[in-house]
Amino acid sequence: VMGAGVIAGFGLWGSMFPIDTIKSKIQADSLSKPQFKGTLDCLKRSLAVEGHAGLWRGVTAALWRAIPVNAAIFVAVEGTRQLLADTEDTVDQFVANVSGSSNT
């Protein structure tokens, strides 16, 4: 499960990092005197100044961060799913008792 989380994290960041880089540049841009006119302008100007490598600056740190984060998320989700599956009958019976109906 943890391995699947790591692979998912790498897939996410590997496919989305350039888009996230452009988003971050636009978010950091000045509101009073914006440097960029929009998303495509930011992309064009970033490519002109930094080249394609500029879109990937910082990807290594993001991939290292993805290892524990996505592994933990997958473990937590799978653990919660298992807990819910194990306690489903108990929860159903509790709800039936509280609501006054019986499923037995």
N, C-alpha and C. Protein backbone atom coordinates (compact mmCIF):
# COMPACT_ATOMS: atom_id res chain seq x y z
N VAL A 1 0.83 -1.19 0.00
CA VAL A 1 0.00 0.00 0.00
C VAL A 1 0.88 1.26 0.00
N MET A 2 1.93 1.22 0.80
CA MET A 2 2.81 2.39 0.85
C MET A 2 3.50 2.61 -0.50
N GLY A 3 3.89 1.52 -1.15
CA GLY A 3 4.51 1.63 -2.48
C GLY A 3 3.57 2.24 -3.49
N ALA A 4 2.29 1.86 -3.40
CA ALA A 4 1.30 2.43 -4.31
C ALA A 4 1.16 3.93 -4.07
N GLY A 5 1.24 4.33 -2.82
CA GLY A 5 1.17 5.76 -2.49
C GLY A 5 2.34 6.53 -3.07
N VAL A 6 3.53 5.93 -2.97
CA VAL A 6 4.72 6.58 -3.52
C VAL A 6 4.60 6.72 -5.04
N ILE A 7 4.16 5.67 -5.70
CA ILE A 7 4.00 5.71 -7.16
C ILE A 7 2.95 6.75 -7.55
N ALA A 8 1.87 6.80 -6.79
CA ALA A 8 0.83 7.80 -7.08
C ALA A 8 1.36 9.22 -6.90
N GLY A 9 2.15 9.43 -5.86
CA GLY A 9 2.73 10.75 -5.63
C GLY A 9 3.66 11.16 -6.75
N PHE A 10 4.50 10.21 -7.20
CA PHE A 10 5.40 10.51 -8.31
C PHE A 10 4.61 10.80 -9.58
N GLY A 11 3.54 10.05 -9.80
CA GLY A 11 2.70 10.29 -10.98
C GLY A 11 2.06 11.66 -10.94
N LEU A 12 1.57 12.02 -9.76
CA LEU A 12 0.93 13.33 -9.61
C LEU A 12 1.93 14.45 -9.89
N TRP A 13 3.04 14.45 -9.16
CA TRP A 13 3.99 15.55 -9.31
C TRP A 13 4.68 15.52 -10.66
N GLY A 14 4.92 14.32 -11.19
CA GLY A 14 5.55 14.22 -12.50
C GLY A 14 4.70 14.81 -13.61
N SER A 15 3.40 14.70 -13.46
CA SER A 15 2.51 15.22 -14.49
C SER A 15 2.06 16.66 -14.24
N MET A 16 2.06 17.08 -13.00
CA MET A 16 1.49 18.39 -12.67
C MET A 16 2.51 19.47 -12.32
N PHE A 17 3.78 19.11 -12.15
CA PHE A 17 4.74 20.08 -11.64
C PHE A 17 4.86 21.34 -12.49
N PRO A 18 4.97 21.24 -13.83
CA PRO A 18 5.06 22.48 -14.62
C PRO A 18 3.83 23.38 -14.44
N ILE A 19 2.67 22.78 -14.36
CA ILE A 19 1.44 23.56 -14.17
C ILE A 19 1.46 24.22 -12.80
N ASP A 20 1.92 23.49 -11.80
CA ASP A 20 2.01 24.02 -10.45
C ASP A 20 3.02 25.17 -10.38
N THR A 21 4.10 25.06 -11.14
CA THR A 21 5.10 26.13 -11.18
C THR A 21 4.49 27.42 -11.72
N ILE A 22 3.74 27.32 -12.81
CA ILE A 22 3.07 28.50 -13.38
C ILE A 22 2.06 29.07 -12.39
N LYS A 23 1.29 28.20 -11.76
CA LYS A 23 0.31 28.65 -10.75
C LYS A 23 0.99 29.41 -9.63
N SER A 24 2.11 28.89 -9.16
CA SER A 24 2.83 29.53 -8.06
C SER A 24 3.38 30.90 -8.48
N LYS A 25 3.85 31.02 -9.70
CA LYS A 25 4.34 32.32 -10.19
C LYS A 25 3.22 33.34 -10.25
N ILE A 26 2.05 32.90 -10.69
CA ILE A 26 0.91 33.81 -10.78
C ILE A 26 0.45 34.21 -9.37
N GLN A 27 0.45 33.26 -8.44
CA GLN A 27 0.05 33.57 -7.07
C GLN A 27 1.02 34.55 -6.41
N ALA A 28 2.30 34.44 -6.73
CA ALA A 28 3.30 35.32 -6.13
C ALA A 28 3.39 36.67 -6.83
N ASP A 29 2.72 36.82 -7.94
CA ASP A 29 2.77 38.06 -8.71
C ASP A 29 2.10 39.20 -7.94
N SER A 30 2.54 40.40 -8.20
CA SER A 30 2.00 41.58 -7.55
C SER A 30 0.56 41.85 -7.99
N LEU A 31 -0.30 42.23 -7.05
CA LEU A 31 -1.68 42.59 -7.40
C LEU A 31 -1.76 44.01 -7.96
N SER A 32 -0.92 44.89 -7.46
CA SER A 32 -0.99 46.28 -7.91
C SER A 32 -0.29 46.49 -9.26
N LYS A 33 0.81 45.79 -9.49
CA LYS A 33 1.53 45.88 -10.76
C LYS A 33 1.89 44.47 -11.22
N PRO A 34 0.92 43.74 -11.74
CA PRO A 34 1.19 42.34 -12.12
C PRO A 34 2.20 42.24 -13.25
N GLN A 35 3.06 41.25 -13.14
CA GLN A 35 4.07 40.98 -14.15
C GLN A 35 3.48 40.19 -15.32
N PHE A 36 2.45 39.40 -15.02
CA PHE A 36 1.86 38.53 -16.04
C PHE A 36 0.42 38.93 -16.32
N LYS A 37 0.00 38.78 -17.58
CA LYS A 37 -1.38 39.09 -17.98
C LYS A 37 -2.32 37.92 -17.74
N GLY A 38 -1.77 36.73 -17.63
CA GLY A 38 -2.59 35.54 -17.42
C GLY A 38 -1.71 34.29 -17.46
N THR A 39 -2.34 33.15 -17.48
CA THR A 39 -1.64 31.88 -17.43
C THR A 39 -0.75 31.67 -18.64
N LEU A 40 -1.29 31.88 -19.83
CA LEU A 40 -0.49 31.65 -21.05
C LEU A 40 0.65 32.65 -21.15
N ASP A 41 0.42 33.89 -20.75
CA ASP A 41 1.49 34.89 -20.75
C ASP A 41 2.60 34.48 -19.79
N CYS A 42 2.23 34.00 -18.62
CA CYS A 42 3.20 33.53 -17.64
C CYS A 42 4.01 32.36 -18.20
N LEU A 43 3.33 31.42 -18.85
CA LEU A 43 4.01 30.28 -19.44
C LEU A 43 5.00 30.72 -20.53
N LYS A 44 4.54 31.58 -21.44
CA LYS A 44 5.39 32.04 -22.54
C LYS A 44 6.61 32.79 -22.03
N ARG A 45 6.40 33.67 -21.09
CA ARG A 45 7.51 34.47 -20.56
C ARG A 45 8.47 33.62 -19.74
N SER A 46 7.94 32.67 -19.01
CA SER A 46 8.80 31.77 -18.22
C SER A 46 9.67 30.92 -19.14
N LEU A 47 9.08 30.42 -20.22
CA LEU A 47 9.84 29.62 -21.17
C LEU A 47 10.91 30.47 -21.87
N ALA A 48 10.56 31.71 -22.19
CA ALA A 48 11.51 32.59 -22.86
C ALA A 48 12.70 32.92 -21.96
N VAL A 49 12.45 33.12 -20.68
CA VAL A 49 13.51 33.52 -19.76
C VAL A 49 14.28 32.32 -19.20
N GLU A 50 13.57 31.28 -18.80
CA GLU A 50 14.20 30.16 -18.09
C GLU A 50 14.31 28.87 -18.91
N GLY A 51 13.58 28.80 -20.01
CA GLY A 51 13.55 27.57 -20.79
C GLY A 51 12.68 26.52 -20.10
N HIS A 52 12.66 25.33 -20.69
CA HIS A 52 11.84 24.26 -20.12
C HIS A 52 12.32 23.83 -18.74
N ALA A 53 13.61 23.95 -18.49
CA ALA A 53 14.16 23.56 -17.18
C ALA A 53 13.55 24.40 -16.06
N GLY A 54 13.18 25.64 -16.36
CA GLY A 54 12.58 26.50 -15.34
C GLY A 54 11.24 25.99 -14.84
N LEU A 55 10.53 25.25 -15.68
CA LEU A 55 9.24 24.69 -15.27
C LEU A 55 9.42 23.54 -14.28
N TRP A 56 10.61 22.97 -14.24
CA TRP A 56 10.88 21.79 -13.41
C TRP A 56 11.76 22.12 -12.21
N ARG A 57 12.09 23.40 -12.00
CA ARG A 57 12.93 23.77 -10.87
C ARG A 57 12.22 23.42 -9.56
N GLY A 58 12.87 22.62 -8.73
CA GLY A 58 12.30 22.23 -7.45
C GLY A 58 11.58 20.89 -7.47
N VAL A 59 11.55 20.21 -8.61
CA VAL A 59 10.82 18.94 -8.70
C VAL A 59 11.43 17.87 -7.80
N THR A 60 12.74 17.90 -7.63
CA THR A 60 13.39 16.89 -6.80
C THR A 60 12.88 16.96 -5.36
N ALA A 61 12.79 18.16 -4.82
CA ALA A 61 12.27 18.31 -3.46
C ALA A 61 10.82 17.85 -3.36
N ALA A 62 10.04 18.15 -4.37
CA ALA A 62 8.63 17.73 -4.37
C ALA A 62 8.52 16.21 -4.41
N LEU A 63 9.38 15.55 -5.18
CA LEU A 63 9.34 14.09 -5.26
C LEU A 63 9.79 13.46 -3.94
N TRP A 64 10.81 14.02 -3.32
CA TRP A 64 11.23 13.50 -2.01
C TRP A 64 10.12 13.68 -0.97
N ARG A 65 9.44 14.80 -1.03
CA ARG A 65 8.33 15.05 -0.10
C ARG A 65 7.17 14.10 -0.38
N ALA A 66 6.98 13.74 -1.64
CA ALA A 66 5.86 12.87 -2.01
C ALA A 66 5.99 11.47 -1.43
N ILE A 67 7.21 11.03 -1.16
CA ILE A 67 7.40 9.66 -0.66
C ILE A 67 6.68 9.45 0.67
N PRO A 68 7.01 10.19 1.73
CA PRO A 68 6.32 9.92 3.00
C PRO A 68 4.87 10.40 3.01
N VAL A 69 4.61 11.52 2.35
CA VAL A 69 3.26 12.09 2.38
C VAL A 69 2.25 11.16 1.72
N ASN A 70 2.53 10.75 0.49
CA ASN A 70 1.57 9.91 -0.22
C ASN A 70 1.52 8.49 0.33
N ALA A 71 2.63 7.99 0.84
CA ALA A 71 2.60 6.68 1.49
C ALA A 71 1.70 6.74 2.71
N ALA A 72 1.84 7.79 3.52
CA ALA A 72 1.00 7.93 4.73
C ALA A 72 -0.47 8.10 4.37
N ILE A 73 -0.76 8.85 3.32
CA ILE A 73 -2.15 9.03 2.91
C ILE A 73 -2.77 7.69 2.51
N PHE A 74 -2.06 6.91 1.71
CA PHE A 74 -2.60 5.62 1.28
C PHE A 74 -2.79 4.68 2.47
N VAL A 75 -1.84 4.67 3.40
CA VAL A 75 -1.98 3.82 4.59
C VAL A 75 -3.19 4.26 5.41
N ALA A 76 -3.36 5.57 5.58
CA ALA A 76 -4.50 6.08 6.36
C ALA A 76 -5.83 5.75 5.68
N VAL A 77 -5.91 5.92 4.38
CA VAL A 77 -7.16 5.64 3.67
C VAL A 77 -7.49 4.15 3.74
N GLU A 78 -6.50 3.31 3.47
CA GLU A 78 -6.75 1.86 3.51
C GLU A 78 -7.07 1.40 4.93
N GLY A 79 -6.39 1.97 5.92
CA GLY A 79 -6.69 1.63 7.31
C GLY A 79 -8.10 2.03 7.70
N THR A 80 -8.52 3.20 7.27
CA THR A 80 -9.88 3.67 7.55
C THR A 80 -10.92 2.80 6.84
N ARG A 81 -10.65 2.44 5.59
CA ARG A 81 -11.57 1.56 4.85
C ARG A 81 -11.72 0.22 5.57
N GLN A 82 -10.61 -0.32 6.04
CA GLN A 82 -10.66 -1.61 6.74
C GLN A 82 -11.40 -1.47 8.06
N LEU A 83 -11.15 -0.40 8.78
CA LEU A 83 -11.85 -0.16 10.05
C LEU A 83 -13.35 -0.04 9.82
N LEU A 84 -13.74 0.69 8.79
CA LEU A 84 -15.17 0.83 8.49
C LEU A 84 -15.78 -0.51 8.09
N ALA A 85 -15.06 -1.29 7.31
CA ALA A 85 -15.57 -2.60 6.90
C ALA A 85 -15.72 -3.52 8.10
N ASP A 86 -14.75 -3.45 9.03
CA ASP A 86 -14.79 -4.31 10.22
C ASP A 86 -15.90 -3.92 11.18
N THR A 87 -16.29 -2.65 11.21
CA THR A 87 -17.28 -2.17 12.18
C THR A 87 -18.63 -1.84 11.56
N GLU A 88 -18.82 -2.15 10.29
CA GLU A 88 -20.05 -1.78 9.60
C GLU A 88 -21.29 -2.37 10.27
N ASP A 89 -21.25 -3.65 10.61
CA ASP A 89 -22.41 -4.28 11.25
C ASP A 89 -22.70 -3.65 12.60
N THR A 90 -21.66 -3.32 13.36
CA THR A 90 -21.84 -2.69 14.66
C THR A 90 -22.47 -1.32 14.51
N VAL A 91 -22.00 -0.56 13.55
CA VAL A 91 -22.54 0.79 13.31
C VAL A 91 -24.00 0.70 12.86
N ASP A 92 -24.31 -0.23 11.96
CA ASP A 92 -25.68 -0.40 11.49
C ASP A 92 -26.61 -0.76 12.64
N GLN A 93 -26.16 -1.63 13.52
CA GLN A 93 -26.98 -2.02 14.67
C GLN A 93 -27.17 -0.84 15.62
N PHE A 94 -26.12 -0.05 15.85
CA PHE A 94 -26.21 1.12 16.70
C PHE A 94 -27.23 2.11 16.15
N VAL A 95 -27.15 2.38 14.84
CA VAL A 95 -28.09 3.30 14.21
C VAL A 95 -29.51 2.77 14.32
N ALA A 96 -29.69 1.50 14.12
CA ALA A 96 -31.02 0.91 14.25
C ALA A 96 -31.54 1.06 15.66
N ASN A 97 -30.70 0.84 16.67
CA ASN A 97 -31.13 0.98 18.06
C ASN A 97 -31.49 2.43 18.40
N VAL A 98 -30.70 3.37 17.90
CA VAL A 98 -30.96 4.78 18.18
C VAL A 98 -32.23 5.25 17.49
N SER A 99 -32.45 4.80 16.28
CA SER A 99 -33.63 5.24 15.54
C SER A 99 -34.89 4.49 15.94
N GLY A 100 -34.75 3.43 16.71
CA GLY A 100 -35.90 2.69 17.19
C GLY A 100 -36.34 1.57 16.27
N SER A 101 -35.66 1.38 15.15
CA SER A 101 -36.02 0.28 14.28
C SER A 101 -35.04 -0.87 14.52
N SER A 102 -35.43 -2.02 14.03
CA SER A 102 -34.60 -3.20 14.24
C SER A 102 -34.36 -3.89 12.90
N ASN A 103 -33.13 -4.24 12.63
CA ASN A 103 -32.79 -4.96 11.41
C ASN A 103 -32.60 -6.44 11.65
N THR A 104 -32.91 -6.91 12.83
CA THR A 104 -32.69 -8.33 13.15
C THR A 104 -33.89 -9.15 12.90
